[in-house]
Amino acid sequence: MSTNAPADRPPPDPAKLLAYWMEWEKGDTPPGRALANLKTGGMRELLEATLSVQLEAFGEPSPTA
């Protein structure tokens, strides 16, 4: 995972991150609050870890649109 994450922060919880996303999709949370929740919830670290696993398994990442 990223070395930028504070040592006292727990690892990202994908279920919690998805719940934050769903709250935003339903309109229960404003975009700024949703982004803050995703950021403090470790979305970057989760994405970095996922990309690392993908690179190990398949080589180059998928092209972006």
PDB file of N, CA and C in Angstrom:
ATOM      1  N   MET A   1       0.833  -1.182   0.000  1.00  0.00           N
ATOM      2  CA  MET A   1       0.000   0.000   0.000  1.00  0.00           C
ATOM      3  C   MET A   1       0.875   1.242   0.000  1.00  0.00           C
ATOM      4  N   SER A   2       0.232   2.376  -0.096  1.00  0.00           N
ATOM      5  CA  SER A   2       0.953   3.640  -0.189  1.00  0.00           C
ATOM      6  C   SER A   2       1.698   3.950   1.093  1.00  0.00           C
ATOM      7  N   THR A   3       2.870   4.526   0.927  1.00  0.00           N
ATOM      8  CA  THR A   3       3.628   4.962   2.093  1.00  0.00           C
ATOM      9  C   THR A   3       3.153   6.325   2.563  1.00  0.00           C
ATOM     10  N   ASN A   4       2.197   6.933   1.845  1.00  0.00           N
ATOM     11  CA  ASN A   4       1.664   8.232   2.223  1.00  0.00           C
ATOM     12  C   ASN A   4       0.605   8.138   3.312  1.00  0.00           C
ATOM     13  N   ALA A   5       0.076   6.964   3.574  1.00  0.00           N
ATOM     14  CA  ALA A   5      -0.968   6.805   4.580  1.00  0.00           C
ATOM     15  C   ALA A   5      -0.365   6.909   5.969  1.00  0.00           C
ATOM     16  N   PRO A   6      -1.032   7.665   6.848  1.00  0.00           N
ATOM     17  CA  PRO A   6      -0.530   7.741   8.223  1.00  0.00           C
ATOM     18  C   PRO A   6      -0.499   6.359   8.870  1.00  0.00           C
ATOM     19  N   ALA A   7       0.501   6.132   9.703  1.00  0.00           N
ATOM     20  CA  ALA A   7       0.674   4.824  10.335  1.00  0.00           C
ATOM     21  C   ALA A   7      -0.476   4.491  11.271  1.00  0.00           C
ATOM     22  N   ASP A   8      -1.139   5.510  11.831  1.00  0.00           N
ATOM     23  CA  ASP A   8      -2.216   5.248  12.780  1.00  0.00           C
ATOM     24  C   ASP A   8      -3.570   5.041  12.101  1.00  0.00           C
ATOM     25  N   ARG A   9      -3.627   5.141  10.776  1.00  0.00           N
ATOM     26  CA  ARG A   9      -4.887   4.942  10.054  1.00  0.00           C
ATOM     27  C   ARG A   9      -5.077   3.455   9.770  1.00  0.00           C
ATOM     28  N   PRO A  10      -6.276   2.925  10.029  1.00  0.00           N
ATOM     29  CA  PRO A  10      -6.521   1.511   9.718  1.00  0.00           C
ATOM     30  C   PRO A  10      -6.533   1.304   8.203  1.00  0.00           C
ATOM     31  N   PRO A  11      -6.360   0.061   7.765  1.00  0.00           N
ATOM     32  CA  PRO A  11      -6.397  -0.197   6.323  1.00  0.00           C
ATOM     33  C   PRO A  11      -7.783   0.136   5.760  1.00  0.00           C
ATOM     34  N   PRO A  12      -7.864   0.436   4.474  1.00  0.00           N
ATOM     35  CA  PRO A  12      -9.156   0.765   3.870  1.00  0.00           C
ATOM     36  C   PRO A  12     -10.158  -0.374   4.026  1.00  0.00           C
ATOM     37  N   ASP A  13     -11.404  -0.008   4.256  1.00  0.00           N
ATOM     38  CA  ASP A  13     -12.499  -0.968   4.373  1.00  0.00           C
ATOM     39  C   ASP A  13     -13.369  -0.816   3.125  1.00  0.00           C
ATOM     40  N   PRO A  14     -13.262  -1.741   2.154  1.00  0.00           N
ATOM     41  CA  PRO A  14     -14.028  -1.600   0.917  1.00  0.00           C
ATOM     42  C   PRO A  14     -15.532  -1.472   1.144  1.00  0.00           C
ATOM     43  N   ALA A  15     -16.079  -2.166   2.125  1.00  0.00           N
ATOM     44  CA  ALA A  15     -17.519  -2.075   2.390  1.00  0.00           C
ATOM     45  C   ALA A  15     -17.896  -0.668   2.844  1.00  0.00           C
ATOM     46  N   LYS A  16     -17.072  -0.074   3.684  1.00  0.00           N
ATOM     47  CA  LYS A  16     -17.342   1.282   4.163  1.00  0.00           C
ATOM     48  C   LYS A  16     -17.209   2.280   3.015  1.00  0.00           C
ATOM     49  N   LEU A  17     -16.193   2.105   2.171  1.00  0.00           N
ATOM     50  CA  LEU A  17     -16.025   2.996   1.026  1.00  0.00           C
ATOM     51  C   LEU A  17     -17.216   2.893   0.077  1.00  0.00           C
ATOM     52  N   LEU A  18     -17.696   1.690  -0.150  1.00  0.00           N
ATOM     53  CA  LEU A  18     -18.871   1.512  -1.001  1.00  0.00           C
ATOM     54  C   LEU A  18     -20.095   2.169  -0.372  1.00  0.00           C
ATOM     55  N   ALA A  19     -20.235   2.072   0.937  1.00  0.00           N
ATOM     56  CA  ALA A  19     -21.362   2.720   1.620  1.00  0.00           C
ATOM     57  C   ALA A  19     -21.298   4.235   1.443  1.00  0.00           C
ATOM     58  N   TYR A  20     -20.101   4.813   1.555  1.00  0.00           N
ATOM     59  CA  TYR A  20     -19.945   6.252   1.320  1.00  0.00           C
ATOM     60  C   TYR A  20     -20.379   6.602  -0.101  1.00  0.00           C
ATOM     61  N   TRP A  21     -19.943   5.789  -1.062  1.00  0.00           N
ATOM     62  CA  TRP A  21     -20.283   6.034  -2.464  1.00  0.00           C
ATOM     63  C   TRP A  21     -21.799   5.957  -2.665  1.00  0.00           C
ATOM     64  N   MET A  22     -22.423   4.941  -2.092  1.00  0.00           N
ATOM     65  CA  MET A  22     -23.863   4.756  -2.262  1.00  0.00           C
ATOM     66  C   MET A  22     -24.649   5.897  -1.622  1.00  0.00           C
ATOM     67  N   GLU A  23     -24.182   6.410  -0.477  1.00  0.00           N
ATOM     68  CA  GLU A  23     -24.837   7.566   0.147  1.00  0.00           C
ATOM     69  C   GLU A  23     -24.829   8.748  -0.814  1.00  0.00           C
ATOM     70  N   TRP A  24     -23.690   8.949  -1.489  1.00  0.00           N
ATOM     71  CA  TRP A  24     -23.593  10.046  -2.448  1.00  0.00           C
ATOM     72  C   TRP A  24     -24.511   9.798  -3.644  1.00  0.00           C
ATOM     73  N   GLU A  25     -24.534   8.581  -4.181  1.00  0.00           N
ATOM     74  CA  GLU A  25     -25.378   8.270  -5.338  1.00  0.00           C
ATOM     75  C   GLU A  25     -26.850   8.496  -5.036  1.00  0.00           C
ATOM     76  N   LYS A  26     -27.269   8.172  -3.813  1.00  0.00           N
ATOM     77  CA  LYS A  26     -28.674   8.355  -3.427  1.00  0.00           C
ATOM     78  C   LYS A  26     -28.995   9.814  -3.128  1.00  0.00           C
ATOM     79  N   GLY A  27     -27.985  10.660  -3.046  1.00  0.00           N
ATOM     80  CA  GLY A  27     -28.205  12.063  -2.753  1.00  0.00           C
ATOM     81  C   GLY A  27     -28.246  12.373  -1.273  1.00  0.00           C
ATOM     82  N   ASP A  28     -27.868  11.406  -0.437  1.00  0.00           N
ATOM     83  CA  ASP A  28     -27.884  11.601   1.011  1.00  0.00           C
ATOM     84  C   ASP A  28     -26.682  12.395   1.504  1.00  0.00           C
ATOM     85  N   THR A  29     -25.622  12.443   0.706  1.00  0.00           N
ATOM     86  CA  THR A  29     -24.387  13.119   1.097  1.00  0.00           C
ATOM     87  C   THR A  29     -23.964  14.053  -0.033  1.00  0.00           C
ATOM     88  N   PRO A  30     -23.650  15.308   0.286  1.00  0.00           N
ATOM     89  CA  PRO A  30     -23.182  16.217  -0.766  1.00  0.00           C
ATOM     90  C   PRO A  30     -21.835  15.758  -1.334  1.00  0.00           C
ATOM     91  N   PRO A  31     -21.539  16.141  -2.577  1.00  0.00           N
ATOM     92  CA  PRO A  31     -20.305  15.679  -3.218  1.00  0.00           C
ATOM     93  C   PRO A  31     -19.034  15.959  -2.418  1.00  0.00           C
ATOM     94  N   GLY A  32     -18.921  17.133  -1.839  1.00  0.00           N
ATOM     95  CA  GLY A  32     -17.713  17.466  -1.074  1.00  0.00           C
ATOM     96  C   GLY A  32     -17.526  16.558   0.125  1.00  0.00           C
ATOM     97  N   ARG A  33     -18.609  16.266   0.832  1.00  0.00           N
ATOM     98  CA  ARG A  33     -18.546  15.387   2.000  1.00  0.00           C
ATOM     99  C   ARG A  33     -18.229  13.974   1.546  1.00  0.00           C
ATOM    100  N   ALA A  34     -18.834  13.529   0.435  1.00  0.00           N
ATOM    101  CA  ALA A  34     -18.569  12.178  -0.074  1.00  0.00           C
ATOM    102  C   ALA A  34     -17.096  12.029  -0.439  1.00  0.00           C
ATOM    103  N   LEU A  35     -16.546  13.032  -1.112  1.00  0.00           N
ATOM    104  CA  LEU A  35     -15.134  12.973  -1.487  1.00  0.00           C
ATOM    105  C   LEU A  35     -14.246  12.940  -0.250  1.00  0.00           C
ATOM    106  N   ALA A  36     -14.579  13.748   0.743  1.00  0.00           N
ATOM    107  CA  ALA A  36     -13.804  13.743   1.988  1.00  0.00           C
ATOM    108  C   ALA A  36     -13.881  12.380   2.665  1.00  0.00           C
ATOM    109  N   ASN A  37     -15.072  11.771   2.688  1.00  0.00           N
ATOM    110  CA  ASN A  37     -15.227  10.445   3.292  1.00  0.00           C
ATOM    111  C   ASN A  37     -14.382   9.407   2.558  1.00  0.00           C
ATOM    112  N   LEU A  38     -14.409   9.460   1.230  1.00  0.00           N
ATOM    113  CA  LEU A  38     -13.625   8.506   0.444  1.00  0.00           C
ATOM    114  C   LEU A  38     -12.131   8.711   0.670  1.00  0.00           C
ATOM    115  N   LYS A  39     -11.717   9.967   0.749  1.00  0.00           N
ATOM    116  CA  LYS A  39     -10.300  10.264   0.960  1.00  0.00           C
ATOM    117  C   LYS A  39      -9.837   9.785   2.331  1.00  0.00           C
ATOM    118  N   THR A  40     -10.557  10.151   3.376  1.00  0.00           N
ATOM    119  CA  THR A  40     -10.140   9.741   4.722  1.00  0.00           C
ATOM    120  C   THR A  40     -10.371   8.255   4.955  1.00  0.00           C
ATOM    121  N   GLY A  41     -11.264   7.650   4.160  1.00  0.00           N
ATOM    122  CA  GLY A  41     -11.521   6.220   4.277  1.00  0.00           C
ATOM    123  C   GLY A  41     -10.485   5.349   3.595  1.00  0.00           C
ATOM    124  N   GLY A  42      -9.574   5.984   2.848  1.00  0.00           N
ATOM    125  CA  GLY A  42      -8.491   5.222   2.240  1.00  0.00           C
ATOM    126  C   GLY A  42      -8.722   4.787   0.808  1.00  0.00           C
ATOM    127  N   MET A  43      -9.573   5.507   0.079  1.00  0.00           N
ATOM    128  CA  MET A  43      -9.840   5.125  -1.308  1.00  0.00           C
ATOM    129  C   MET A  43      -8.560   5.090  -2.137  1.00  0.00           C
ATOM    130  N   ARG A  44      -7.682   6.068  -1.961  1.00  0.00           N
ATOM    131  CA  ARG A  44      -6.432   6.078  -2.733  1.00  0.00           C
ATOM    132  C   ARG A  44      -5.620   4.823  -2.446  1.00  0.00           C
ATOM    133  N   GLU A  45      -5.474   4.482  -1.185  1.00  0.00           N
ATOM    134  CA  GLU A  45      -4.685   3.304  -0.815  1.00  0.00           C
ATOM    135  C   GLU A  45      -5.305   2.030  -1.382  1.00  0.00           C
ATOM    136  N   LEU A  46      -6.634   1.947  -1.355  1.00  0.00           N
ATOM    137  CA  LEU A  46      -7.309   0.776  -1.905  1.00  0.00           C
ATOM    138  C   LEU A  46      -7.069   0.674  -3.409  1.00  0.00           C
ATOM    139  N   LEU A  47      -7.181   1.792  -4.114  1.00  0.00           N
ATOM    140  CA  LEU A  47      -6.942   1.782  -5.556  1.00  0.00           C
ATOM    141  C   LEU A  47      -5.493   1.447  -5.884  1.00  0.00           C
ATOM    142  N   GLU A  48      -4.554   1.990  -5.112  1.00  0.00           N
ATOM    143  CA  GLU A  48      -3.137   1.680  -5.340  1.00  0.00           C
ATOM    144  C   GLU A  48      -2.865   0.195  -5.122  1.00  0.00           C
ATOM    145  N   ALA A  49      -3.441  -0.376  -4.076  1.00  0.00           N
ATOM    146  CA  ALA A  49      -3.244  -1.798  -3.796  1.00  0.00           C
ATOM    147  C   ALA A  49      -3.868  -2.655  -4.891  1.00  0.00           C
ATOM    148  N   THR A  50      -5.048  -2.256  -5.359  1.00  0.00           N
ATOM    149  CA  THR A  50      -5.723  -2.990  -6.426  1.00  0.00           C
ATOM    150  C   THR A  50      -4.904  -2.952  -7.709  1.00  0.00           C
ATOM    151  N   LEU A  51      -4.372  -1.793  -8.039  1.00  0.00           N
ATOM    152  CA  LEU A  51      -3.533  -1.668  -9.231  1.00  0.00           C
ATOM    153  C   LEU A  51      -2.278  -2.519  -9.102  1.00  0.00           C
ATOM    154  N   SER A  52      -1.688  -2.541  -7.933  1.00  0.00           N
ATOM    155  CA  SER A  52      -0.490  -3.343  -7.709  1.00  0.00           C
ATOM    156  C   SER A  52      -0.768  -4.825  -7.954  1.00  0.00           C
ATOM    157  N   VAL A  53      -1.894  -5.300  -7.453  1.00  0.00           N
ATOM    158  CA  VAL A  53      -2.277  -6.701  -7.657  1.00  0.00           C
ATOM    159  C   VAL A  53      -2.515  -6.963  -9.145  1.00  0.00           C
ATOM    160  N   GLN A  54      -3.193  -6.025  -9.814  1.00  0.00           N
ATOM    161  CA  GLN A  54      -3.453  -6.186 -11.245  1.00  0.00           C
ATOM    162  C   GLN A  54      -2.154  -6.246 -12.032  1.00  0.00           C
ATOM    163  N   LEU A  55      -1.209  -5.378 -11.700  1.00  0.00           N
ATOM    164  CA  LEU A  55       0.070  -5.374 -12.405  1.00  0.00           C
ATOM    165  C   LEU A  55       0.825  -6.678 -12.200  1.00  0.00           C
ATOM    166  N   GLU A  56       0.792  -7.200 -10.985  1.00  0.00           N
ATOM    167  CA  GLU A  56       1.465  -8.473 -10.709  1.00  0.00           C
ATOM    168  C   GLU A  56       0.821  -9.613 -11.477  1.00  0.00           C
ATOM    169  N   ALA A  57      -0.499  -9.590 -11.587  1.00  0.00           N
ATOM    170  CA  ALA A  57      -1.210 -10.690 -12.218  1.00  0.00           C
ATOM    171  C   ALA A  57      -1.221 -10.604 -13.743  1.00  0.00           C
ATOM    172  N   PHE A  58      -1.365  -9.387 -14.275  1.00  0.00           N
ATOM    173  CA  PHE A  58      -1.615  -9.255 -15.708  1.00  0.00           C
ATOM    174  C   PHE A  58      -0.630  -8.363 -16.452  1.00  0.00           C
ATOM    175  N   GLY A  59       0.305  -7.781 -15.770  1.00  0.00           N
ATOM    176  CA  GLY A  59       1.230  -6.881 -16.454  1.00  0.00           C
ATOM    177  C   GLY A  59       0.699  -5.464 -16.482  1.00  0.00           C
ATOM    178  N   GLU A  60       0.687  -4.880 -17.659  1.00  0.00           N
ATOM    179  CA  GLU A  60       0.294  -3.478 -17.809  1.00  0.00           C
ATOM    180  C   GLU A  60      -1.154  -3.253 -17.381  1.00  0.00           C
ATOM    181  N   PRO A  61      -1.437  -2.064 -16.809  1.00  0.00           N
ATOM    182  CA  PRO A  61      -2.818  -1.754 -16.426  1.00  0.00           C
ATOM    183  C   PRO A  61      -3.699  -1.573 -17.653  1.00  0.00           C
ATOM    184  N   SER A  62      -4.991  -1.657 -17.437  1.00  0.00           N
ATOM    185  CA  SER A  62      -5.949  -1.431 -18.514  1.00  0.00           C
ATOM    186  C   SER A  62      -5.821  -0.003 -19.015  1.00  0.00           C
ATOM    187  N   PRO A  63      -5.983   0.208 -20.320  1.00  0.00           N
ATOM    188  CA  PRO A  63      -5.931   1.586 -20.823  1.00  0.00           C
ATOM    189  C   PRO A  63      -7.107   2.383 -20.282  1.00  0.00           C
ATOM    190  N   THR A  64      -6.888   3.669 -20.072  1.00  0.00           N
ATOM    191  CA  THR A  64      -7.965   4.521 -19.577  1.00  0.00           C
ATOM    192  C   THR A  64      -8.719   5.115 -20.745  1.00  0.00           C
ATOM    193  N   ALA A  65      -9.961   5.439 -20.489  1.00  0.00           N
ATOM    194  CA  ALA A  65     -10.815   6.000 -21.554  1.00  0.00           C
ATOM    195  C   ALA A  65     -10.497   7.446 -21.797  1.00  0.00           C
TER     196      ALA A  65
END
